Amino acid sequence: MPNYRRNRVPGGTYFFTVNLLERRSRLLVEHIEAFREAVRGVREKRPFHIDAWVVLPDHTHCVWTLPPGDDDYPARWKAIKIAFAKALPKTERLSAVRMRNGERGIWQRRFWEHTIRDERDYAAHVDYVHINPLKHGLVQRAVDWPYSSFHRAAA
């Protein structure tokens, strides 16, 4: 197994992409309230600021800023994934490896993160989050996608 290292900056701002295991699934939008509740529950215990977020049927993109001195975004993602999975009935297909490890077949194991470097990088990633439903052909205008912080940013 590769020695995967994450860049961890206390109080840093990060862009994330997190995918469902089944890329044709619609679980995230079909169970949007369960996903929102998972995020709320984790934020209560381990706060972070949501700078931008979009939830698509099979993946999500977001930009978070962690509290000063805190760099533990992996634990937050793990907790969100577990809380969301627990809220869903066990109907997914499981590989032998996932069965043996007692895992659900909902999320891809890893996620993509990028440490935001400066204001220009921040603006580019927030824009990417907000235009993603257009990129995937889900809507014609960003304002038409209901599962996005675009509405908050526009206000």
C-alpha atoms as a PDB file:
ATOM      1  CA  MET A   1       0.000   0.000   0.000  1.00  0.00           C
ATOM      2  CA  PRO A   2       1.384   3.453  -0.834  1.00  0.00           C
ATOM      3  CA  ASN A   3       2.508   5.792   1.903  1.00  0.00           C
ATOM      4  CA  TYR A   4      -0.063   8.498   1.232  1.00  0.00           C
ATOM      5  CA  ARG A   5       0.650  11.825   2.912  1.00  0.00           C
ATOM      6  CA  ARG A   6      -1.809  14.627   3.317  1.00  0.00           C
ATOM      7  CA  ASN A   7      -0.813  18.259   3.628  1.00  0.00           C
ATOM      8  CA  ARG A   8      -2.042  19.400   7.014  1.00  0.00           C
ATOM      9  CA  VAL A   9      -1.926  23.080   7.927  1.00  0.00           C
ATOM     10  CA  PRO A  10      -3.368  24.063  11.322  1.00  0.00           C
ATOM     11  CA  GLY A  11      -6.216  26.526  10.755  1.00  0.00           C
ATOM     12  CA  GLY A  12      -5.868  25.970   7.021  1.00  0.00           C
ATOM     13  CA  THR A  13      -8.411  26.262   4.246  1.00  0.00           C
ATOM     14  CA  TYR A  14      -8.917  23.207   2.044  1.00  0.00           C
ATOM     15  CA  PHE A  15     -10.781  22.144  -1.080  1.00  0.00           C
ATOM     16  CA  PHE A  16     -12.202  18.600  -1.031  1.00  0.00           C
ATOM     17  CA  THR A  17     -13.763  16.169  -3.469  1.00  0.00           C
ATOM     18  CA  VAL A  18     -15.444  13.159  -1.878  1.00  0.00           C
ATOM     19  CA  ASN A  19     -17.050  10.438  -4.027  1.00  0.00           C
ATOM     20  CA  LEU A  20     -19.563   7.699  -3.519  1.00  0.00           C
ATOM     21  CA  LEU A  21     -18.309   4.235  -4.389  1.00  0.00           C
ATOM     22  CA  GLU A  22     -20.992   3.785  -7.060  1.00  0.00           C
ATOM     23  CA  ARG A  23     -20.473   6.744  -9.369  1.00  0.00           C
ATOM     24  CA  ARG A  24     -23.921   6.363 -10.947  1.00  0.00           C
ATOM     25  CA  SER A  25     -25.642   6.520  -7.590  1.00  0.00           C
ATOM     26  CA  ARG A  26     -27.938   9.361  -6.557  1.00  0.00           C
ATOM     27  CA  LEU A  27     -27.683   8.667  -2.824  1.00  0.00           C
ATOM     28  CA  LEU A  28     -26.417  12.088  -1.840  1.00  0.00           C
ATOM     29  CA  VAL A  29     -29.352  14.012  -3.296  1.00  0.00           C
ATOM     30  CA  GLU A  30     -31.903  11.280  -2.538  1.00  0.00           C
ATOM     31  CA  HIS A  31     -30.845  11.406   1.120  1.00  0.00           C
ATOM     32  CA  ILE A  32     -29.783  15.048   1.311  1.00  0.00           C
ATOM     33  CA  GLU A  33     -31.245  15.572   4.786  1.00  0.00           C
ATOM     34  CA  ALA A  34     -29.280  12.604   6.159  1.00  0.00           C
ATOM     35  CA  PHE A  35     -26.118  14.033   4.592  1.00  0.00           C
ATOM     36  CA  ARG A  36     -26.818  17.499   5.981  1.00  0.00           C
ATOM     37  CA  GLU A  37     -27.470  16.007   9.421  1.00  0.00           C
ATOM     38  CA  ALA A  38     -24.185  14.078   9.269  1.00  0.00           C
ATOM     39  CA  VAL A  39     -22.322  17.310   8.502  1.00  0.00           C
ATOM     40  CA  ARG A  40     -24.197  19.227  11.227  1.00  0.00           C
ATOM     41  CA  GLY A  41     -23.461  16.552  13.805  1.00  0.00           C
ATOM     42  CA  VAL A  42     -19.753  16.522  13.024  1.00  0.00           C
ATOM     43  CA  ARG A  43     -19.551  20.326  13.042  1.00  0.00           C
ATOM     44  CA  GLU A  44     -21.081  20.388  16.527  1.00  0.00           C
ATOM     45  CA  LYS A  45     -18.323  18.138  17.867  1.00  0.00           C
ATOM     46  CA  ARG A  46     -15.440  19.276  15.651  1.00  0.00           C
ATOM     47  CA  PRO A  47     -16.189  22.759  14.282  1.00  0.00           C
ATOM     48  CA  PHE A  48     -15.115  24.008  10.880  1.00  0.00           C
ATOM     49  CA  HIS A  49     -16.263  26.846   8.649  1.00  0.00           C
ATOM     50  CA  ILE A  50     -17.994  25.999   5.383  1.00  0.00           C
ATOM     51  CA  ASP A  51     -16.714  28.461   2.799  1.00  0.00           C
ATOM     52  CA  ALA A  52     -18.430  26.736  -0.151  1.00  0.00           C
ATOM     53  CA  TRP A  53     -20.215  23.436  -0.726  1.00  0.00           C
ATOM     54  CA  VAL A  54     -22.064  21.644  -3.483  1.00  0.00           C
ATOM     55  CA  VAL A  55     -23.692  18.235  -3.214  1.00  0.00           C
ATOM     56  CA  LEU A  56     -24.137  16.357  -6.483  1.00  0.00           C
ATOM     57  CA  PRO A  57     -25.839  12.973  -6.892  1.00  0.00           C
ATOM     58  CA  ASP A  58     -22.655  10.902  -6.521  1.00  0.00           C
ATOM     59  CA  HIS A  59     -20.005  13.260  -5.123  1.00  0.00           C
ATOM     60  CA  THR A  60     -19.483  16.477  -3.267  1.00  0.00           C
ATOM     61  CA  HIS A  61     -17.034  19.372  -3.454  1.00  0.00           C
ATOM     62  CA  CYS A  62     -16.413  21.832  -0.671  1.00  0.00           C
ATOM     63  CA  VAL A  63     -14.052  24.396   0.776  1.00  0.00           C
ATOM     64  CA  TRP A  64     -13.549  24.385   4.543  1.00  0.00           C
ATOM     65  CA  THR A  65     -11.539  26.487   6.937  1.00  0.00           C
ATOM     66  CA  LEU A  66     -10.457  24.768  10.145  1.00  0.00           C
ATOM     67  CA  PRO A  67     -10.153  26.498  13.522  1.00  0.00           C
ATOM     68  CA  PRO A  68      -6.776  27.951  14.494  1.00  0.00           C
ATOM     69  CA  GLY A  69      -4.385  25.227  15.581  1.00  0.00           C
ATOM     70  CA  ASP A  70      -6.528  22.406  14.167  1.00  0.00           C
ATOM     71  CA  ASP A  71      -5.493  20.376  11.101  1.00  0.00           C
ATOM     72  CA  ASP A  72      -7.577  17.215  11.542  1.00  0.00           C
ATOM     73  CA  TYR A  73      -9.847  17.248   8.513  1.00  0.00           C
ATOM     74  CA  PRO A  74      -9.413  13.459   7.927  1.00  0.00           C
ATOM     75  CA  ALA A  75     -11.202  12.678  11.197  1.00  0.00           C
ATOM     76  CA  ARG A  76     -14.036  15.017  10.241  1.00  0.00           C
ATOM     77  CA  TRP A  77     -14.482  13.326   6.863  1.00  0.00           C
ATOM     78  CA  LYS A  78     -14.394   9.897   8.467  1.00  0.00           C
ATOM     79  CA  ALA A  79     -17.086  10.934  10.946  1.00  0.00           C
ATOM     80  CA  ILE A  80     -19.287  12.462   8.207  1.00  0.00           C
ATOM     81  CA  LYS A  81     -19.003   9.326   6.072  1.00  0.00           C
ATOM     82  CA  ILE A  82     -19.838   7.046   9.012  1.00  0.00           C
ATOM     83  CA  ALA A  83     -22.802   9.156  10.163  1.00  0.00           C
ATOM     84  CA  PHE A  84     -24.254   9.280   6.653  1.00  0.00           C
ATOM     85  CA  ALA A  85     -23.789   5.534   6.141  1.00  0.00           C
ATOM     86  CA  LYS A  86     -25.470   4.758   9.474  1.00  0.00           C
ATOM     87  CA  ALA A  87     -28.498   6.793   8.419  1.00  0.00           C
ATOM     88  CA  LEU A  88     -29.080   4.618   5.328  1.00  0.00           C
ATOM     89  CA  PRO A  89     -30.517   1.121   5.081  1.00  0.00           C
ATOM     90  CA  LYS A  90     -28.018  -1.603   4.202  1.00  0.00           C
ATOM     91  CA  THR A  91     -28.965  -2.247   0.589  1.00  0.00           C
ATOM     92  CA  GLU A  92     -25.637  -1.748  -1.194  1.00  0.00           C
ATOM     93  CA  ARG A  93     -23.581  -4.542  -2.721  1.00  0.00           C
ATOM     94  CA  LEU A  94     -20.455  -5.356  -0.739  1.00  0.00           C
ATOM     95  CA  SER A  95     -17.165  -6.762  -1.947  1.00  0.00           C
ATOM     96  CA  ALA A  96     -15.622  -9.627  -0.001  1.00  0.00           C
ATOM     97  CA  VAL A  97     -12.958  -7.234   1.313  1.00  0.00           C
ATOM     98  CA  ARG A  98     -15.528  -4.718   2.566  1.00  0.00           C
ATOM     99  CA  MET A  99     -17.556  -7.520   4.164  1.00  0.00           C
ATOM    100  CA  ARG A 100     -14.477  -8.906   5.883  1.00  0.00           C
ATOM    101  CA  ASN A 101     -13.539  -5.425   7.164  1.00  0.00           C
ATOM    102  CA  GLY A 102     -17.084  -4.639   8.313  1.00  0.00           C
ATOM    103  CA  GLU A 103     -17.317  -1.688   5.920  1.00  0.00           C
ATOM    104  CA  ARG A 104     -20.293  -0.299   4.063  1.00  0.00           C
ATOM    105  CA  GLY A 105     -20.216   0.011   0.276  1.00  0.00           C
ATOM    106  CA  ILE A 106     -21.249   3.657   0.119  1.00  0.00           C
ATOM    107  CA  TRP A 107     -18.128   5.827  -0.032  1.00  0.00           C
ATOM    108  CA  GLN A 108     -14.845   5.569  -1.853  1.00  0.00           C
ATOM    109  CA  ARG A 109     -12.216   5.029   0.802  1.00  0.00           C
ATOM    110  CA  ARG A 110     -10.117   8.057   0.013  1.00  0.00           C
ATOM    111  CA  PHE A 111     -10.903  11.645  -0.851  1.00  0.00           C
ATOM    112  CA  TRP A 112      -9.089  14.400  -2.692  1.00  0.00           C
ATOM    113  CA  GLU A 113      -7.892  17.443  -0.809  1.00  0.00           C
ATOM    114  CA  HIS A 114      -6.023  20.540  -1.866  1.00  0.00           C
ATOM    115  CA  THR A 115      -4.620  23.115   0.536  1.00  0.00           C
ATOM    116  CA  ILE A 116      -5.682  26.591  -0.517  1.00  0.00           C
ATOM    117  CA  ARG A 117      -2.555  28.697  -1.095  1.00  0.00           C
ATOM    118  CA  ASP A 118      -3.787  32.267  -1.496  1.00  0.00           C
ATOM    119  CA  GLU A 119      -6.801  34.444  -2.326  1.00  0.00           C
ATOM    120  CA  ARG A 120      -6.632  33.683  -6.042  1.00  0.00           C
ATOM    121  CA  ASP A 121      -6.544  29.927  -5.375  1.00  0.00           C
ATOM    122  CA  TYR A 122      -9.423  30.344  -2.910  1.00  0.00           C
ATOM    123  CA  ALA A 123     -11.582  32.220  -5.446  1.00  0.00           C
ATOM    124  CA  ALA A 124     -10.853  29.639  -8.160  1.00  0.00           C
ATOM    125  CA  HIS A 125     -11.882  26.730  -5.948  1.00  0.00           C
ATOM    126  CA  VAL A 126     -15.023  28.428  -4.621  1.00  0.00           C
ATOM    127  CA  ASP A 127     -16.016  29.176  -8.234  1.00  0.00           C
ATOM    128  CA  TYR A 128     -15.312  25.546  -9.183  1.00  0.00           C
ATOM    129  CA  VAL A 129     -17.595  24.350  -6.379  1.00  0.00           C
ATOM    130  CA  HIS A 130     -20.416  26.622  -7.480  1.00  0.00           C
ATOM    131  CA  ILE A 131     -20.236  25.889 -11.225  1.00  0.00           C
ATOM    132  CA  ASN A 132     -19.921  22.128 -10.815  1.00  0.00           C
ATOM    133  CA  PRO A 133     -23.633  21.366 -11.390  1.00  0.00           C
ATOM    134  CA  LEU A 134     -23.334  23.178 -14.742  1.00  0.00           C
ATOM    135  CA  LYS A 135     -20.184  21.229 -15.616  1.00  0.00           C
ATOM    136  CA  HIS A 136     -22.092  17.980 -15.082  1.00  0.00           C
ATOM    137  CA  GLY A 137     -25.097  19.169 -17.088  1.00  0.00           C
ATOM    138  CA  LEU A 138     -27.461  19.054 -14.114  1.00  0.00           C
ATOM    139  CA  VAL A 139     -28.717  22.635 -14.569  1.00  0.00           C
ATOM    140  CA  GLN A 140     -28.340  25.562 -16.941  1.00  0.00           C
ATOM    141  CA  ARG A 141     -27.572  28.117 -14.217  1.00  0.00           C
ATOM    142  CA  ALA A 142     -25.800  27.692 -10.870  1.00  0.00           C
ATOM    143  CA  VAL A 143     -28.735  29.300  -9.088  1.00  0.00           C
ATOM    144  CA  ASP A 144     -30.985  26.431 -10.242  1.00  0.00           C
ATOM    145  CA  TRP A 145     -29.094  23.712  -8.309  1.00  0.00           C
ATOM    146  CA  PRO A 146     -30.673  23.452  -4.837  1.00  0.00           C
ATOM    147  CA  TYR A 147     -27.792  21.681  -3.044  1.00  0.00           C
ATOM    148  CA  SER A 148     -25.187  24.416  -3.177  1.00  0.00           C
ATOM    149  CA  SER A 149     -23.826  27.261  -1.102  1.00  0.00           C
ATOM    150  CA  PHE A 150     -24.077  29.373  -4.262  1.00  0.00           C
ATOM    151  CA  HIS A 151     -27.361  30.771  -2.946  1.00  0.00           C
ATOM    152  CA  ARG A 152     -25.681  31.950   0.263  1.00  0.00           C
ATOM    153  CA  ALA A 153     -22.752  33.428  -1.678  1.00  0.00           C
ATOM    154  CA  ALA A 154     -25.069  35.257  -4.083  1.00  0.00           C
ATOM    155  CA  ALA A 155     -27.083  36.736  -1.227  1.00  0.00           C
END
